Structures are given as structure tokens and as C-alpha cells.
Amino acid sequence: MHNDMEADEMKIRLGAWGTVMIIAAIVSASSVAGSWYYLEVFSRQKLIVATTTSLYDTGLLDEIEEHFEEKYSVDLCLISVGTGIAIQFAQRGDVDMLLVHSPAQELRFLQENYGVNRKIIAYNFFQIVGPKSDLAQIEGLSLTEALSRIVSAGRNSSATWISRGDNSGTHTKEKELWNAAGFNWTLQRDETNWFKETGSAMGKTLITANELEAYTLTDIGTFLAYSEGTSNLVPNLKTLVSQEAELINVYSAIAVNKTTNPNANFEAATTFTKFLTSKEGQQIIENYGISVYGQPLFYPAVELLRNNTAPMAQMIEDYAYFDGSECPPQYRYDYPELYGNK
């Protein structure tokens, strides 16, 4: 009887010990798997990109990020702000590269040695949108005539203009257009009875224009994203002036200069620039939006410029080239293959 009890007790102990060993093996395997997972995550480079809101709000960069991260061991971190703020981040060394659309600001950024290796990646057009009632009656007019009509209607309390007022690429373009039409934007902003500022991104500015049934300048990509598809967020607005040469909108990638900011991840920025300008990256840009909106939100620019396809290439060059080049040689750093023989 005593021996039987000892045998039973031994079986219980062995069984318990076996269970402990199995659990330990599972935990050990999980730890190894977890360690490999965390090792893979922490071994990935981080690339911080400050990007204009239009590229981000449309969802294009989500698509690009997915394909890029599948291909490269880089964790793409996107910060969506207006071009002016994006450039400030880069000047402070907070980001590794820019995706922006304001050639005048981009040139200063290069000249001040903050940026290098500018590459034009895409284009579309700005447009003036406004209320479907079009009280200022600008539909079908030239850009200059349309802006003049908006000013007259505004001063007669029958129209409202919404400006982003945030030093973004769109805001910079707006000021250029008012100037070209013979108006002083700084003086106009004091006419607060009809001239309003949001200080916000393009999407929020469009929603404000929709609520006030006002006119505003927008890029076509963001407007399509907000006005088409299943969720029309701006049902009161329509496109009234578009597709003029003065309304060209050009997007560029610029790496932060590692001689100015040694902590910038210059190699990863170059990898991303090469991806954006590759056949794969350009196809993503070309196809994005067609299935939902029936047309692309952006157009690829690399092959067009390489082949000098007129007249669009000439339009881009006139607006966004510096001294006859997307990036003059003094603003290039390593990686000559980015520019071929140019």
C-alpha cells in the first residue's frame, strides 16, 4: 500500500514536471519569436518626411508607403503640414526630407544649404472652386477676369473668398495669382467683410468654403478626394476655373543636406527619392484615384521631363525649374544617377 502511494505520487510529480517543461518550452519559443520580431522592427531605419497636406489628405502617400515599406527595410514616418511649416521642420533638423509644392520656397531652401538633390516627382493643377450658384459669375472666365469678378462681388457683399493663410504651397500660389492679376494680397486680407483666412490645411479650408458657399483656391487632387466618391464633404462647391498654365502645380522631393544636418538620414531619403522616381513609384502616382474618381489625382512627371514631352514639360520647366534645371549642380550631393546626363 505504501509503495503504491509512493508510485502514484511520483507519477503526479513527473506529470507536473512535464507540464512545466512544456510551458517553459512554449514561453521560450514565444520569446525567441518575439525577440526576432522586435529585432526586425528595431533594425529598420526610420525616415521622417514632412509632406504637403494635399499628398497626404488624398491618401496617395498611404499607397506609396505600403509599397515602399514592403520593398525596403525603412519605416516611413510622414508628417503632414503646409510647405512653409515643413521647411521649418527641415531647417531645424526635425525631418530627413521634404515632399512639397512651392518652387519659390524650395529654391530658398536649397540656396540656404538646407536641402539637396531636388527631384520633381509629379504635377497636377490648382483650380478655383466656388458655390454652385456662382454669384460672382466667374465660370468659364480667364483666371485674371475671375479674380477681378470675385473682388468686385466681395466688395459688394455678394461673394466671399477663403484663403488658407498658412504659408503653405497653395497659399504661396494664391498670393502669386493675386499679384499677377494686379491685386495686393496683403491689402485684401484687411477687407475682412469678404476676405477670410482659415490658417488650416486644404481639406478644412474646402469644408469652410463649402459651409460659407465661398470661393477658394485648391489643388485638384484634394478637391476630387473631398467632392467625389461615397462621401461628398463639399456638396455646395464646384470647379469654376481650371487647366490654365498659370495654375500648374508641381511636387518635388528634397533631401535634407547632411553637411548642414549630420543627423539626417540622407541614405534613406535618397532611397525613397529613387523609389518615387522609379517606374514603380511613378506608376503608383499615375494610377492612384482612377478606380474611385475616374481620373488620376496626380500625374507622374519623371518620364515626361526626361523625354521633354511638350507642351506639358515646358509648362513644368517654366514654372518649377531653376536656371534651366530641376536641381542645378551646386545643389546636388552624391548620387549623380538621379539626374542622368543632365
Protein backbone atom coordinates (compact mmCIF):
# COMPACT_ATOMS: atom_id res chain seq x y z
CA MET A 1 0.00 0.00 0.00
CA HIS A 2 2.79 2.38 0.96
CA ASN A 3 4.70 1.54 -2.24
CA ASP A 4 1.56 2.16 -4.35
CA MET A 5 1.14 5.62 -2.79
CA GLU A 6 4.78 6.46 -3.49
CA ALA A 7 4.37 5.34 -7.13
CA ASP A 8 1.24 7.47 -7.57
CA GLU A 9 2.98 10.47 -6.02
CA MET A 10 5.95 10.01 -8.35
CA LYS A 11 3.61 9.92 -11.38
CA ILE A 12 1.97 13.18 -10.24
CA ARG A 13 5.37 14.84 -9.78
CA LEU A 14 6.59 13.65 -13.20
CA GLY A 15 3.36 14.80 -14.82
CA ALA A 16 3.63 18.22 -13.22
CA TRP A 17 7.28 18.49 -14.16
CA GLY A 18 6.43 17.57 -17.76
CA THR A 19 3.77 20.25 -17.87
CA VAL A 20 6.22 22.81 -16.52
CA MET A 21 8.76 21.80 -19.15
CA ILE A 22 6.18 22.12 -21.97
CA ILE A 23 5.10 25.56 -20.74
CA ALA A 24 8.73 26.63 -20.46
CA ALA A 25 9.38 25.44 -23.99
CA ILE A 26 6.36 27.39 -25.31
CA VAL A 27 7.40 30.52 -23.43
CA SER A 28 10.96 30.12 -24.68
CA ALA A 29 9.80 29.71 -28.28
CA SER A 30 7.49 32.71 -27.96
CA SER A 31 10.32 34.77 -26.52
CA VAL A 32 12.59 33.84 -29.41
CA ALA A 33 9.87 34.67 -31.92
CA GLY A 34 9.16 37.91 -30.10
CA SER A 35 12.84 38.74 -29.99
CA TRP A 36 13.13 38.20 -33.72
CA TYR A 37 10.07 40.40 -34.28
CA TYR A 38 11.41 43.21 -32.15
CA LEU A 39 14.86 42.80 -33.65
CA GLU A 40 13.34 43.18 -37.13
CA VAL A 41 11.31 46.23 -36.07
CA PHE A 42 14.17 47.99 -34.33
CA SER A 43 16.63 47.17 -37.10
CA ARG A 44 14.53 49.09 -39.64
CA GLN A 45 15.77 52.56 -40.46
CA LYS A 46 13.41 55.42 -39.73
CA LEU A 47 12.84 58.03 -42.43
CA ILE A 48 10.94 61.13 -41.31
CA VAL A 49 9.30 63.00 -44.18
CA ALA A 50 7.49 66.34 -43.89
CA THR A 51 4.87 66.40 -46.61
CA THR A 52 2.35 68.82 -48.00
CA THR A 53 -1.21 68.12 -46.91
CA SER A 54 -2.50 67.53 -50.45
CA LEU A 55 -0.31 64.47 -50.97
CA TYR A 56 -1.32 63.13 -47.56
CA ASP A 57 -5.03 64.00 -47.40
CA THR A 58 -5.74 62.36 -50.75
CA GLY A 59 -4.37 59.03 -49.50
CA LEU A 60 -1.66 58.83 -52.16
CA LEU A 61 1.14 58.59 -49.62
CA ASP A 62 -0.59 55.71 -47.81
CA GLU A 63 -0.43 53.78 -51.06
CA ILE A 64 3.19 54.74 -51.66
CA GLU A 65 4.16 53.92 -48.07
CA GLU A 66 2.69 50.43 -48.31
CA HIS A 67 4.66 49.55 -51.44
CA PHE A 68 7.87 51.23 -50.28
CA GLU A 69 7.98 49.52 -46.87
CA GLU A 70 7.31 46.14 -48.47
CA LYS A 71 10.41 46.61 -50.58
CA TYR A 72 12.86 48.30 -48.21
CA SER A 73 13.79 47.95 -44.55
CA VAL A 74 12.73 51.52 -43.84
CA ASP A 75 10.00 52.75 -41.53
CA LEU A 76 8.43 55.72 -43.32
CA CYS A 77 7.14 58.35 -40.87
CA LEU A 78 5.02 61.05 -42.51
CA ILE A 79 4.29 64.49 -41.03
CA SER A 80 1.51 66.30 -42.90
CA VAL A 81 1.77 70.11 -42.77
CA GLY A 82 1.85 73.07 -45.15
CA THR A 83 5.01 73.60 -47.18
CA GLY A 84 6.15 76.58 -45.08
CA ILE A 85 5.98 74.61 -41.83
CA ALA A 86 7.52 71.53 -43.49
CA ILE A 87 10.51 73.63 -44.50
CA GLN A 88 10.83 74.98 -40.95
CA PHE A 89 10.94 71.40 -39.64
CA ALA A 90 13.71 70.58 -42.11
CA GLN A 91 15.68 73.69 -41.20
CA ARG A 92 15.54 72.69 -37.53
CA GLY A 93 16.72 69.17 -38.35
CA ASP A 94 13.45 67.54 -37.28
CA VAL A 95 12.93 65.67 -40.57
CA ASP A 96 15.07 63.88 -43.16
CA MET A 97 13.37 65.06 -46.34
CA LEU A 98 10.54 67.08 -47.85
CA LEU A 99 7.69 66.44 -50.29
CA VAL A 100 6.48 69.94 -51.17
CA HIS A 101 4.99 72.09 -53.95
CA SER A 102 6.24 75.65 -53.72
CA PRO A 103 9.17 76.28 -56.10
CA ALA A 104 9.97 79.75 -54.71
CA GLN A 105 10.27 78.40 -51.15
CA GLU A 106 12.14 75.32 -52.37
CA LEU A 107 14.76 77.45 -54.13
CA ARG A 108 15.44 79.43 -50.95
CA PHE A 109 15.72 76.16 -49.04
CA LEU A 110 18.40 74.97 -51.48
CA GLN A 111 20.22 78.31 -51.57
CA GLU A 112 20.48 78.38 -47.78
CA ASN A 113 22.19 74.94 -47.88
CA TYR A 114 19.41 73.14 -46.03
CA GLY A 115 18.42 70.89 -48.92
CA VAL A 116 19.97 68.94 -51.78
CA ASN A 117 19.02 66.63 -54.64
CA ARG A 118 15.66 68.11 -55.53
CA LYS A 119 13.64 65.88 -57.85
CA ILE A 120 10.31 66.75 -59.44
CA ILE A 121 8.04 63.74 -58.99
CA ALA A 122 4.51 64.75 -60.00
CA TYR A 123 2.18 67.52 -61.07
CA ASN A 124 -1.47 68.45 -61.30
CA PHE A 125 -3.34 71.74 -61.41
CA PHE A 126 -4.72 74.21 -58.97
CA GLN A 127 -8.25 75.40 -59.60
CA ILE A 128 -10.70 77.93 -58.29
CA VAL A 129 -13.78 76.32 -56.82
CA GLY A 130 -16.83 78.09 -55.54
CA PRO A 131 -20.56 77.87 -54.85
CA LYS A 132 -22.73 76.20 -57.45
CA SER A 133 -24.78 79.40 -57.57
CA ASP A 134 -21.58 81.22 -58.69
CA LEU A 135 -22.80 84.65 -57.59
CA ALA A 136 -19.65 86.31 -58.94
CA GLN A 137 -20.27 84.64 -62.33
CA ILE A 138 -16.69 83.51 -62.93
CA GLU A 139 -17.27 80.15 -64.60
CA GLY A 140 -15.54 79.98 -67.95
CA LEU A 141 -13.58 83.21 -67.44
CA SER A 142 -9.82 83.56 -67.55
CA LEU A 143 -8.01 83.48 -64.23
CA THR A 144 -7.43 87.25 -64.14
CA GLU A 145 -11.05 88.02 -65.06
CA ALA A 146 -12.31 85.56 -62.46
CA LEU A 147 -10.27 87.05 -59.63
CA SER A 148 -11.36 90.57 -60.62
CA ARG A 149 -15.01 89.49 -60.54
CA ILE A 150 -14.56 87.90 -57.11
CA VAL A 151 -13.06 91.13 -55.74
CA SER A 152 -15.92 93.22 -57.13
CA ALA A 153 -18.56 90.82 -55.88
CA GLY A 154 -16.86 90.61 -52.49
CA ARG A 155 -16.80 94.35 -52.07
CA ASN A 156 -20.50 94.39 -52.97
CA SER A 157 -21.15 91.79 -50.25
CA SER A 158 -22.22 89.14 -52.74
CA ALA A 159 -19.17 86.85 -52.59
CA THR A 160 -16.64 85.52 -50.06
CA TRP A 161 -13.06 84.37 -50.64
CA ILE A 162 -11.41 81.82 -48.35
CA SER A 163 -7.61 81.88 -48.13
CA ARG A 164 -5.55 79.23 -46.36
CA GLY A 165 -3.34 81.94 -44.88
CA ASP A 166 -0.84 79.35 -43.64
CA ASN A 167 2.27 79.91 -45.81
CA SER A 168 1.65 76.57 -47.50
CA GLY A 169 2.44 75.87 -51.13
CA THR A 170 -1.20 76.53 -52.04
CA HIS A 171 -1.19 79.78 -50.08
CA THR A 172 2.04 80.89 -51.77
CA LYS A 173 0.49 80.10 -55.15
CA GLU A 174 -2.63 82.08 -54.23
CA LYS A 175 -0.58 85.16 -53.42
CA GLU A 176 1.28 84.82 -56.72
CA LEU A 177 -2.01 84.62 -58.61
CA TRP A 178 -3.49 87.69 -56.89
CA ASN A 179 -0.27 89.55 -57.70
CA ALA A 180 -0.37 88.52 -61.35
CA ALA A 181 -3.99 89.68 -61.55
CA GLY A 182 -2.97 93.12 -60.26
CA PHE A 183 -4.15 92.83 -56.66
CA ASN A 184 -2.22 93.18 -53.41
CA TRP A 185 -2.96 90.16 -51.24
CA THR A 186 -1.70 91.91 -48.09
CA LEU A 187 -4.16 94.78 -48.56
CA GLN A 188 -7.00 92.47 -49.50
CA ARG A 189 -6.71 90.41 -46.33
CA ASP A 190 -7.65 93.58 -44.42
CA GLU A 191 -11.02 93.61 -46.20
CA THR A 192 -12.41 91.16 -43.69
CA ASN A 193 -16.02 91.59 -44.74
CA TRP A 194 -15.40 89.26 -47.71
CA PHE A 195 -11.79 88.00 -47.42
CA LYS A 196 -11.39 85.23 -44.81
CA GLU A 197 -8.45 83.09 -43.69
CA THR A 198 -8.57 79.63 -42.15
CA GLY A 199 -4.91 79.03 -41.23
CA SER A 200 -5.74 75.38 -41.93
CA ALA A 201 -4.94 72.57 -44.32
CA MET A 202 -6.62 72.23 -47.70
CA GLY A 203 -9.31 69.81 -46.58
CA LYS A 204 -10.51 72.00 -43.72
CA THR A 205 -10.34 75.08 -45.96
CA LEU A 206 -12.58 73.36 -48.52
CA ILE A 207 -15.07 72.42 -45.82
CA THR A 208 -15.14 76.04 -44.62
CA ALA A 209 -15.68 77.28 -48.18
CA ASN A 210 -18.48 74.77 -48.55
CA GLU A 211 -20.18 75.96 -45.35
CA LEU A 212 -19.90 79.63 -46.32
CA GLU A 213 -20.58 78.99 -50.03
CA ALA A 214 -17.35 80.82 -50.78
CA TYR A 215 -14.62 80.76 -53.42
CA THR A 216 -11.16 79.33 -52.78
CA LEU A 217 -8.03 78.03 -54.48
CA THR A 218 -7.38 74.30 -54.20
CA ASP A 219 -5.34 71.60 -55.84
CA ILE A 220 -7.47 69.32 -57.97
CA GLY A 221 -6.36 66.19 -56.10
CA THR A 222 -7.69 67.29 -52.72
CA PHE A 223 -10.86 68.68 -54.27
CA LEU A 224 -11.63 65.39 -56.00
CA ALA A 225 -10.94 63.47 -52.80
CA TYR A 226 -13.37 65.70 -50.89
CA SER A 227 -16.04 66.14 -53.54
CA GLU A 228 -16.32 62.76 -55.26
CA GLY A 229 -16.80 59.18 -54.20
CA THR A 230 -19.10 57.88 -51.49
CA SER A 231 -18.56 60.75 -49.04
CA ASN A 232 -19.01 64.14 -50.68
CA LEU A 233 -17.83 66.53 -47.97
CA VAL A 234 -18.27 69.68 -50.06
CA PRO A 235 -21.61 69.33 -51.91
CA ASN A 236 -22.06 73.08 -52.37
CA LEU A 237 -18.83 73.57 -54.33
CA LYS A 238 -17.92 73.08 -57.98
CA THR A 239 -14.88 73.70 -60.18
CA LEU A 240 -15.13 77.06 -61.94
CA VAL A 241 -11.65 77.91 -63.27
CA SER A 242 -9.03 75.25 -64.10
CA GLN A 243 -6.43 73.90 -66.53
CA GLU A 244 -4.70 77.22 -67.23
CA ALA A 245 -0.92 77.32 -67.49
CA GLU A 246 -0.79 79.70 -64.51
CA LEU A 247 -2.47 77.04 -62.38
CA ILE A 248 0.20 74.34 -62.80
CA ASN A 249 1.07 72.63 -59.51
CA VAL A 250 4.40 70.78 -59.24
CA TYR A 251 5.53 68.42 -56.46
CA SER A 252 9.17 67.84 -55.53
CA ALA A 253 11.21 65.62 -53.23
CA ILE A 254 14.17 67.26 -51.47
CA ALA A 255 16.66 65.55 -49.16
CA VAL A 256 17.94 67.41 -46.11
CA ASN A 257 21.59 68.35 -46.57
CA LYS A 258 23.65 66.06 -44.33
CA THR A 259 26.54 68.54 -44.26
CA THR A 260 24.20 71.03 -42.59
CA ASN A 261 22.43 68.40 -40.51
CA PRO A 262 24.71 65.37 -39.91
CA ASN A 263 21.86 63.52 -38.17
CA ALA A 264 19.68 63.47 -41.29
CA ASN A 265 19.09 60.00 -42.72
CA PHE A 266 20.40 61.01 -46.12
CA GLU A 267 20.79 57.48 -47.50
CA ALA A 268 17.21 56.51 -46.66
CA ALA A 269 15.98 59.81 -48.12
CA THR A 270 17.84 59.01 -51.33
CA THR A 271 16.36 55.51 -51.38
CA PHE A 272 12.87 56.98 -51.09
CA THR A 273 13.57 59.58 -53.79
CA LYS A 274 14.76 56.81 -56.10
CA PHE A 275 11.61 54.83 -55.39
CA LEU A 276 9.36 57.82 -56.10
CA THR A 277 11.12 58.45 -59.41
CA SER A 278 11.32 54.76 -60.38
CA LYS A 279 8.94 53.15 -62.85
CA GLU A 280 7.10 51.51 -59.95
CA GLY A 281 6.74 54.73 -57.97
CA GLN A 282 5.63 56.72 -61.00
CA GLN A 283 3.02 54.08 -61.87
CA ILE A 284 1.56 54.31 -58.37
CA ILE A 285 1.20 58.06 -58.85
CA GLU A 286 -0.26 57.62 -62.34
CA ASN A 287 -2.89 55.06 -61.32
CA TYR A 288 -3.90 56.47 -57.96
CA GLY A 289 -7.51 57.64 -57.88
CA ILE A 290 -8.66 56.29 -61.25
CA SER A 291 -10.76 53.46 -59.82
CA VAL A 292 -12.59 55.81 -57.44
CA TYR A 293 -12.69 59.16 -59.25
CA GLY A 294 -12.41 58.12 -62.88
CA GLN A 295 -9.18 60.09 -63.26
CA PRO A 296 -5.81 60.31 -61.52
CA LEU A 297 -5.38 62.85 -58.74
CA PHE A 298 -1.75 63.45 -59.73
CA TYR A 299 0.30 62.88 -62.85
CA PRO A 300 3.84 61.39 -62.97
CA ALA A 301 6.47 63.87 -64.11
CA VAL A 302 9.75 61.98 -64.39
CA GLU A 303 9.39 60.38 -67.83
CA LEU A 304 7.62 63.43 -69.19
CA LEU A 305 10.55 65.66 -68.24
CA ARG A 306 13.15 63.10 -69.33
CA ASN A 307 11.61 62.93 -72.80
CA ASN A 308 10.88 66.66 -72.84
CA THR A 309 7.28 65.98 -73.81
CA ALA A 310 5.88 69.32 -74.93
CA PRO A 311 3.88 71.31 -74.07
CA MET A 312 3.41 69.97 -70.52
CA ALA A 313 7.12 69.53 -69.91
CA GLN A 314 7.71 73.10 -70.98
CA MET A 315 4.94 74.28 -68.67
CA ILE A 316 6.58 72.49 -65.71
CA GLU A 317 10.03 73.78 -66.62
CA ASP A 318 8.79 77.36 -66.92
CA TYR A 319 7.19 77.17 -63.50
CA ALA A 320 9.42 74.91 -61.43
CA TYR A 321 12.95 74.83 -62.90
CA PHE A 322 15.84 76.87 -61.51
CA ASP A 323 18.44 78.06 -64.04
CA GLY A 324 17.12 75.53 -66.53
CA SER A 325 17.26 72.55 -64.15
CA GLU A 326 15.08 70.86 -61.55
CA CYS A 327 18.18 70.92 -59.36
CA PRO A 328 21.20 72.97 -60.50
CA PRO A 329 24.56 71.14 -59.99
CA GLN A 330 25.58 73.26 -56.98
CA TYR A 331 22.63 71.81 -55.06
CA ARG A 332 23.41 68.17 -55.79
CA TYR A 333 25.22 65.84 -53.40
CA ASP A 334 26.43 62.39 -54.47
CA TYR A 335 24.12 60.05 -56.44
CA PRO A 336 24.62 61.57 -59.93
CA GLU A 337 22.38 58.81 -61.33
CA LEU A 338 19.40 60.82 -60.09
CA TYR A 339 19.97 63.26 -62.93
CA GLY A 340 21.37 61.10 -65.75
CA ASN A 341 23.37 63.26 -68.11
CA LYS A 342 21.64 66.50 -67.11
